[in-house]
Amino acid sequence: MSPDLRIRQLADGDWDALTALEAATYAPLGLSEDRAALQSRARVSPATCFVAESGDRLAGYLLALPYTPHAHPRLTRAEQRPYVSRNLHLHDLAIAPPQRRRGLARLLLHRLTATATAHGYEQISLIAVGGSHPFWTARGFAPDRRAAAPGPDYGPDAVPMLRPLPPRAGRATGPRRPVRHRPAAPHEVS
């Protein structure tokens, strides 16, 4: 891994590079979303959206948002409001081709898992697309048999998956209050 690599929260200035990487990654699969839909997912949960940069270049990104368990966002619809949920849905993860197979996806997932655990989420869900379910299985995700069928928006081989999270350290297990997210103030996003 490059010593100039850093993972940080998504910022407003990242959108041009992020949407270009999203299109390059997902358009060949017929799964690319427009910028407004992507921005809406980050807007409802800025604390769970990250970029990886190498020097001054975007090397990858991850978008996650609280979402109803066993459900998933529609690719063609922007989010209107944040959901109150103990489920964090990992909506997008993309790595730039020169950075692939270097552990960057693992680092982004680790950052998301640590953030999710600290915020009291109980699980992370996702829809594995493009034959990526073995990748996710190797990272502790299992098919979510209770999930709604993803439908054609996600492609023919889409697999809903789920990974439970450990309880937050120093906190008893059991029912927890739902997580409520608020938009970040301008000084909180950097």
C-alpha atoms as a PDB file:
ATOM      1  CA  MET A   1       0.000   0.000   0.000  1.00  0.00           C
ATOM      2  CA  SER A   2       1.285   3.424  -0.921  1.00  0.00           C
ATOM      3  CA  PRO A   3       2.508   5.603   1.964  1.00  0.00           C
ATOM      4  CA  ASP A   4       0.634   8.605   0.540  1.00  0.00           C
ATOM      5  CA  LEU A   5      -2.704   6.802   0.705  1.00  0.00           C
ATOM      6  CA  ARG A   6      -5.325   8.151   3.095  1.00  0.00           C
ATOM      7  CA  ILE A   7      -8.959   7.396   3.820  1.00  0.00           C
ATOM      8  CA  ARG A   8     -11.215  10.275   4.801  1.00  0.00           C
ATOM      9  CA  GLN A   9     -14.827  11.343   4.720  1.00  0.00           C
ATOM     10  CA  LEU A  10     -16.283  12.264   1.362  1.00  0.00           C
ATOM     11  CA  ALA A  11     -16.159  16.014   0.634  1.00  0.00           C
ATOM     12  CA  ASP A  12     -17.981  18.235  -1.866  1.00  0.00           C
ATOM     13  CA  GLY A  13     -14.893  18.534  -4.062  1.00  0.00           C
ATOM     14  CA  ASP A  14     -14.781  14.754  -4.621  1.00  0.00           C
ATOM     15  CA  TRP A  15     -17.902  14.436  -6.763  1.00  0.00           C
ATOM     16  CA  ASP A  16     -16.394  14.858 -10.247  1.00  0.00           C
ATOM     17  CA  ALA A  17     -13.795  12.138  -9.665  1.00  0.00           C
ATOM     18  CA  LEU A  18     -16.257   9.935  -7.769  1.00  0.00           C
ATOM     19  CA  THR A  19     -18.928  10.011 -10.482  1.00  0.00           C
ATOM     20  CA  ALA A  20     -16.301   9.292 -13.153  1.00  0.00           C
ATOM     21  CA  LEU A  21     -15.055   6.266 -11.176  1.00  0.00           C
ATOM     22  CA  GLU A  22     -18.635   5.118 -10.521  1.00  0.00           C
ATOM     23  CA  ALA A  23     -19.478   5.279 -14.232  1.00  0.00           C
ATOM     24  CA  ALA A  24     -16.280   3.472 -15.240  1.00  0.00           C
ATOM     25  CA  THR A  25     -16.978   0.728 -12.688  1.00  0.00           C
ATOM     26  CA  TYR A  26     -20.734   0.237 -12.994  1.00  0.00           C
ATOM     27  CA  ALA A  27     -21.729   1.394 -16.527  1.00  0.00           C
ATOM     28  CA  PRO A  28     -20.258  -1.751 -18.150  1.00  0.00           C
ATOM     29  CA  LEU A  29     -22.603  -3.754 -15.879  1.00  0.00           C
ATOM     30  CA  GLY A  30     -25.580  -1.515 -16.729  1.00  0.00           C
ATOM     31  CA  LEU A  31     -25.718  -0.351 -13.100  1.00  0.00           C
ATOM     32  CA  SER A  32     -24.448   3.227 -13.192  1.00  0.00           C
ATOM     33  CA  GLU A  33     -26.424   5.887 -11.311  1.00  0.00           C
ATOM     34  CA  ASP A  34     -26.681   9.571 -11.976  1.00  0.00           C
ATOM     35  CA  ARG A  35     -24.849  12.082  -9.831  1.00  0.00           C
ATOM     36  CA  ALA A  36     -28.005  13.300  -8.063  1.00  0.00           C
ATOM     37  CA  ALA A  37     -28.843   9.774  -6.845  1.00  0.00           C
ATOM     38  CA  LEU A  38     -25.291   9.229  -5.602  1.00  0.00           C
ATOM     39  CA  GLN A  39     -25.195  12.592  -3.841  1.00  0.00           C
ATOM     40  CA  SER A  40     -28.547  11.903  -2.185  1.00  0.00           C
ATOM     41  CA  ARG A  41     -27.152   8.733  -0.593  1.00  0.00           C
ATOM     42  CA  ALA A  42     -24.183  10.607   0.819  1.00  0.00           C
ATOM     43  CA  ARG A  43     -26.331  13.528   1.949  1.00  0.00           C
ATOM     44  CA  VAL A  44     -28.465  11.345   4.248  1.00  0.00           C
ATOM     45  CA  SER A  45     -25.423   9.857   5.993  1.00  0.00           C
ATOM     46  CA  PRO A  46     -22.181  11.798   5.451  1.00  0.00           C
ATOM     47  CA  ALA A  47     -20.527  10.097   8.443  1.00  0.00           C
ATOM     48  CA  THR A  48     -20.599   6.739   6.613  1.00  0.00           C
ATOM     49  CA  CYS A  49     -19.289   7.797   3.196  1.00  0.00           C
ATOM     50  CA  PHE A  50     -15.557   7.682   2.545  1.00  0.00           C
ATOM     51  CA  VAL A  51     -12.962   8.202  -0.157  1.00  0.00           C
ATOM     52  CA  ALA A  52      -9.478   6.854  -0.478  1.00  0.00           C
ATOM     53  CA  GLU A  53      -6.961   9.103  -2.112  1.00  0.00           C
ATOM     54  CA  SER A  54      -3.456   8.478  -3.251  1.00  0.00           C
ATOM     55  CA  GLY A  55      -1.608  11.748  -3.472  1.00  0.00           C
ATOM     56  CA  ASP A  56      -4.121  14.083  -5.054  1.00  0.00           C
ATOM     57  CA  ARG A  57      -6.066  11.367  -6.927  1.00  0.00           C
ATOM     58  CA  LEU A  58      -9.212   9.541  -5.925  1.00  0.00           C
ATOM     59  CA  ALA A  59      -8.259   5.880  -5.548  1.00  0.00           C
ATOM     60  CA  GLY A  60     -11.659   4.596  -4.418  1.00  0.00           C
ATOM     61  CA  TYR A  61     -14.822   5.385  -2.549  1.00  0.00           C
ATOM     62  CA  LEU A  62     -17.506   3.830  -0.378  1.00  0.00           C
ATOM     63  CA  LEU A  63     -21.081   5.081   0.095  1.00  0.00           C
ATOM     64  CA  ALA A  64     -23.220   3.683   2.919  1.00  0.00           C
ATOM     65  CA  LEU A  65     -26.459   4.828   4.498  1.00  0.00           C
ATOM     66  CA  PRO A  66     -28.920   3.608   7.113  1.00  0.00           C
ATOM     67  CA  TYR A  67     -31.651   1.613   5.426  1.00  0.00           C
ATOM     68  CA  THR A  68     -34.563  -0.607   6.297  1.00  0.00           C
ATOM     69  CA  PRO A  69     -33.321  -4.161   7.045  1.00  0.00           C
ATOM     70  CA  HIS A  70     -33.746  -6.639   4.187  1.00  0.00           C
ATOM     71  CA  ALA A  71     -34.462  -3.803   1.719  1.00  0.00           C
ATOM     72  CA  HIS A  72     -32.290  -1.748  -0.620  1.00  0.00           C
ATOM     73  CA  PRO A  73     -32.286   1.597  -2.435  1.00  0.00           C
ATOM     74  CA  ARG A  74     -33.625   1.767  -5.980  1.00  0.00           C
ATOM     75  CA  LEU A  75     -30.844   2.737  -8.351  1.00  0.00           C
ATOM     76  CA  THR A  76     -33.026   5.121 -10.321  1.00  0.00           C
ATOM     77  CA  ARG A  77     -34.397   7.024  -7.335  1.00  0.00           C
ATOM     78  CA  ALA A  78     -32.667   9.594  -5.146  1.00  0.00           C
ATOM     79  CA  GLU A  79     -33.019   9.328  -1.371  1.00  0.00           C
ATOM     80  CA  GLN A  80     -35.513  11.817   0.016  1.00  0.00           C
ATOM     81  CA  ARG A  81     -34.845  11.368   3.727  1.00  0.00           C
ATOM     82  CA  PRO A  82     -32.642   9.393   6.082  1.00  0.00           C
ATOM     83  CA  TYR A  83     -34.041   6.150   7.450  1.00  0.00           C
ATOM     84  CA  VAL A  84     -34.000   5.398  11.157  1.00  0.00           C
ATOM     85  CA  SER A  85     -32.445   1.951  11.266  1.00  0.00           C
ATOM     86  CA  ARG A  86     -29.850  -0.247  12.977  1.00  0.00           C
ATOM     87  CA  ASN A  87     -28.978  -1.578   9.515  1.00  0.00           C
ATOM     88  CA  LEU A  88     -26.273   0.222   7.530  1.00  0.00           C
ATOM     89  CA  HIS A  89     -26.525  -0.452   3.799  1.00  0.00           C
ATOM     90  CA  LEU A  90     -23.223  -0.428   1.906  1.00  0.00           C
ATOM     91  CA  HIS A  91     -24.515   0.933  -1.374  1.00  0.00           C
ATOM     92  CA  ASP A  92     -21.353   1.440  -3.430  1.00  0.00           C
ATOM     93  CA  LEU A  93     -17.701   0.488  -3.268  1.00  0.00           C
ATOM     94  CA  ALA A  94     -15.421   1.191  -6.219  1.00  0.00           C
ATOM     95  CA  ILE A  95     -11.654   1.127  -6.579  1.00  0.00           C
ATOM     96  CA  ALA A  96      -9.752   2.767  -9.452  1.00  0.00           C
ATOM     97  CA  PRO A  97      -8.126   0.135 -11.717  1.00  0.00           C
ATOM     98  CA  PRO A  98      -4.491   1.011 -10.853  1.00  0.00           C
ATOM     99  CA  GLN A  99      -5.291   0.605  -7.140  1.00  0.00           C
ATOM    100  CA  ARG A 100      -7.135  -2.740  -7.352  1.00  0.00           C
ATOM    101  CA  ARG A 101      -5.817  -5.871  -5.636  1.00  0.00           C
ATOM    102  CA  ARG A 102      -3.814  -3.834  -3.133  1.00  0.00           C
ATOM    103  CA  GLY A 103      -6.132  -4.126  -0.139  1.00  0.00           C
ATOM    104  CA  LEU A 104      -7.834  -0.767  -0.566  1.00  0.00           C
ATOM    105  CA  ALA A 105     -11.363  -2.236  -0.545  1.00  0.00           C
ATOM    106  CA  ARG A 106     -10.482  -4.001   2.704  1.00  0.00           C
ATOM    107  CA  LEU A 107      -9.276  -0.710   4.234  1.00  0.00           C
ATOM    108  CA  LEU A 108     -12.459   1.124   3.206  1.00  0.00           C
ATOM    109  CA  LEU A 109     -14.588  -1.708   4.584  1.00  0.00           C
ATOM    110  CA  HIS A 110     -12.596  -1.667   7.832  1.00  0.00           C
ATOM    111  CA  ARG A 111     -13.220   2.079   8.190  1.00  0.00           C
ATOM    112  CA  LEU A 112     -16.929   1.568   7.550  1.00  0.00           C
ATOM    113  CA  THR A 113     -17.141  -1.310  10.034  1.00  0.00           C
ATOM    114  CA  ALA A 114     -15.387   0.696  12.759  1.00  0.00           C
ATOM    115  CA  THR A 115     -17.644   3.707  12.127  1.00  0.00           C
ATOM    116  CA  ALA A 116     -20.780   1.553  12.055  1.00  0.00           C
ATOM    117  CA  THR A 117     -19.849  -0.187  15.294  1.00  0.00           C
ATOM    118  CA  ALA A 118     -19.066   3.132  16.992  1.00  0.00           C
ATOM    119  CA  HIS A 119     -22.469   4.490  15.920  1.00  0.00           C
ATOM    120  CA  GLY A 120     -24.311   1.432  17.253  1.00  0.00           C
ATOM    121  CA  TYR A 121     -25.348  -0.240  14.016  1.00  0.00           C
ATOM    122  CA  GLU A 122     -26.142  -3.946  14.355  1.00  0.00           C
ATOM    123  CA  GLN A 123     -25.422  -5.062  10.798  1.00  0.00           C
ATOM    124  CA  ILE A 124     -24.221  -4.055   7.357  1.00  0.00           C
ATOM    125  CA  SER A 125     -26.219  -5.071   4.302  1.00  0.00           C
ATOM    126  CA  LEU A 126     -25.357  -4.836   0.610  1.00  0.00           C
ATOM    127  CA  ILE A 127     -26.321  -6.131  -2.813  1.00  0.00           C
ATOM    128  CA  ALA A 128     -23.420  -8.020  -4.416  1.00  0.00           C
ATOM    129  CA  VAL A 129     -23.430  -7.295  -8.157  1.00  0.00           C
ATOM    130  CA  GLY A 130     -21.432  -8.401 -11.167  1.00  0.00           C
ATOM    131  CA  GLY A 131     -20.452 -11.751  -9.635  1.00  0.00           C
ATOM    132  CA  SER A 132     -18.843 -10.108  -6.580  1.00  0.00           C
ATOM    133  CA  HIS A 133     -20.542 -12.305  -3.947  1.00  0.00           C
ATOM    134  CA  PRO A 134     -17.384 -14.453  -3.396  1.00  0.00           C
ATOM    135  CA  PHE A 135     -15.469 -11.248  -2.547  1.00  0.00           C
ATOM    136  CA  TRP A 136     -18.099 -10.313   0.037  1.00  0.00           C
ATOM    137  CA  THR A 137     -18.369 -13.844   1.420  1.00  0.00           C
ATOM    138  CA  ALA A 138     -14.621 -13.750   2.113  1.00  0.00           C
ATOM    139  CA  ARG A 139     -15.256 -10.597   4.178  1.00  0.00           C
ATOM    140  CA  GLY A 140     -17.879 -12.136   6.448  1.00  0.00           C
ATOM    141  CA  PHE A 141     -21.061 -11.424   4.503  1.00  0.00           C
ATOM    142  CA  ALA A 142     -23.654 -14.142   3.898  1.00  0.00           C
ATOM    143  CA  PRO A 143     -26.697 -14.218   1.619  1.00  0.00           C
ATOM    144  CA  ASP A 144     -29.665 -12.486   3.246  1.00  0.00           C
ATOM    145  CA  ARG A 145     -32.489 -14.976   2.755  1.00  0.00           C
ATOM    146  CA  ARG A 146     -35.043 -12.517   4.186  1.00  0.00           C
ATOM    147  CA  ALA A 147     -34.138  -9.689   1.799  1.00  0.00           C
ATOM    148  CA  ALA A 148     -36.450  -8.408  -0.883  1.00  0.00           C
ATOM    149  CA  ALA A 149     -35.420  -9.467  -4.388  1.00  0.00           C
ATOM    150  CA  PRO A 150     -33.207  -6.742  -5.857  1.00  0.00           C
ATOM    151  CA  GLY A 151     -35.034  -6.663  -9.175  1.00  0.00           C
ATOM    152  CA  PRO A 152     -33.592  -5.937 -12.612  1.00  0.00           C
ATOM    153  CA  ASP A 153     -32.020  -2.601 -11.582  1.00  0.00           C
ATOM    154  CA  TYR A 154     -29.193  -4.528  -9.903  1.00  0.00           C
ATOM    155  CA  GLY A 155     -28.498  -6.998 -12.717  1.00  0.00           C
ATOM    156  CA  PRO A 156     -29.266 -10.687 -13.192  1.00  0.00           C
ATOM    157  CA  ASP A 157     -26.823 -12.083 -10.632  1.00  0.00           C
ATOM    158  CA  ALA A 158     -27.527  -9.674  -7.728  1.00  0.00           C
ATOM    159  CA  VAL A 159     -27.236 -11.267  -4.281  1.00  0.00           C
ATOM    160  CA  PRO A 160     -28.539  -9.511  -1.139  1.00  0.00           C
ATOM    161  CA  MET A 161     -25.982 -10.048   1.644  1.00  0.00           C
ATOM    162  CA  LEU A 162     -25.674  -9.246   5.323  1.00  0.00           C
ATOM    163  CA  ARG A 163     -22.981  -9.163   7.992  1.00  0.00           C
ATOM    164  CA  PRO A 164     -23.736  -8.761  11.697  1.00  0.00           C
ATOM    165  CA  LEU A 165     -21.563  -6.327  13.620  1.00  0.00           C
ATOM    166  CA  PRO A 166     -20.164  -6.867  17.099  1.00  0.00           C
ATOM    167  CA  PRO A 167     -21.754  -4.789  19.847  1.00  0.00           C
ATOM    168  CA  ARG A 168     -20.012  -1.558  20.735  1.00  0.00           C
ATOM    169  CA  ALA A 169     -17.292  -2.055  23.360  1.00  0.00           C
ATOM    170  CA  GLY A 170     -18.401  -1.315  26.900  1.00  0.00           C
ATOM    171  CA  ARG A 171     -22.060  -1.622  26.053  1.00  0.00           C
ATOM    172  CA  ALA A 172     -24.402  -4.431  26.956  1.00  0.00           C
ATOM    173  CA  THR A 173     -26.055  -6.330  24.144  1.00  0.00           C
ATOM    174  CA  GLY A 174     -29.774  -6.172  23.655  1.00  0.00           C
ATOM    175  CA  PRO A 175     -32.219  -3.781  22.042  1.00  0.00           C
ATOM    176  CA  ARG A 176     -30.739  -0.439  21.108  1.00  0.00           C
ATOM    177  CA  ARG A 177     -32.347   2.809  20.120  1.00  0.00           C
ATOM    178  CA  PRO A 178     -32.498   3.559  16.383  1.00  0.00           C
ATOM    179  CA  VAL A 179     -29.745   5.679  14.887  1.00  0.00           C
ATOM    180  CA  ARG A 180     -30.818   9.133  13.759  1.00  0.00           C
ATOM    181  CA  HIS A 181     -28.549  10.888  11.307  1.00  0.00           C
ATOM    182  CA  ARG A 182     -28.402  14.567  10.633  1.00  0.00           C
ATOM    183  CA  PRO A 183     -26.671  16.297   7.747  1.00  0.00           C
ATOM    184  CA  ALA A 184     -23.138  17.335   8.611  1.00  0.00           C
ATOM    185  CA  ALA A 185     -22.406  20.974   9.194  1.00  0.00           C
ATOM    186  CA  PRO A 186     -19.968  22.419   6.617  1.00  0.00           C
ATOM    187  CA  HIS A 187     -17.120  22.402   9.153  1.00  0.00           C
ATOM    188  CA  GLU A 188     -17.657  18.672   9.869  1.00  0.00           C
ATOM    189  CA  VAL A 189     -16.991  17.434   6.338  1.00  0.00           C
ATOM    190  CA  SER A 190     -13.387  17.589   5.224  1.00  0.00           C
END
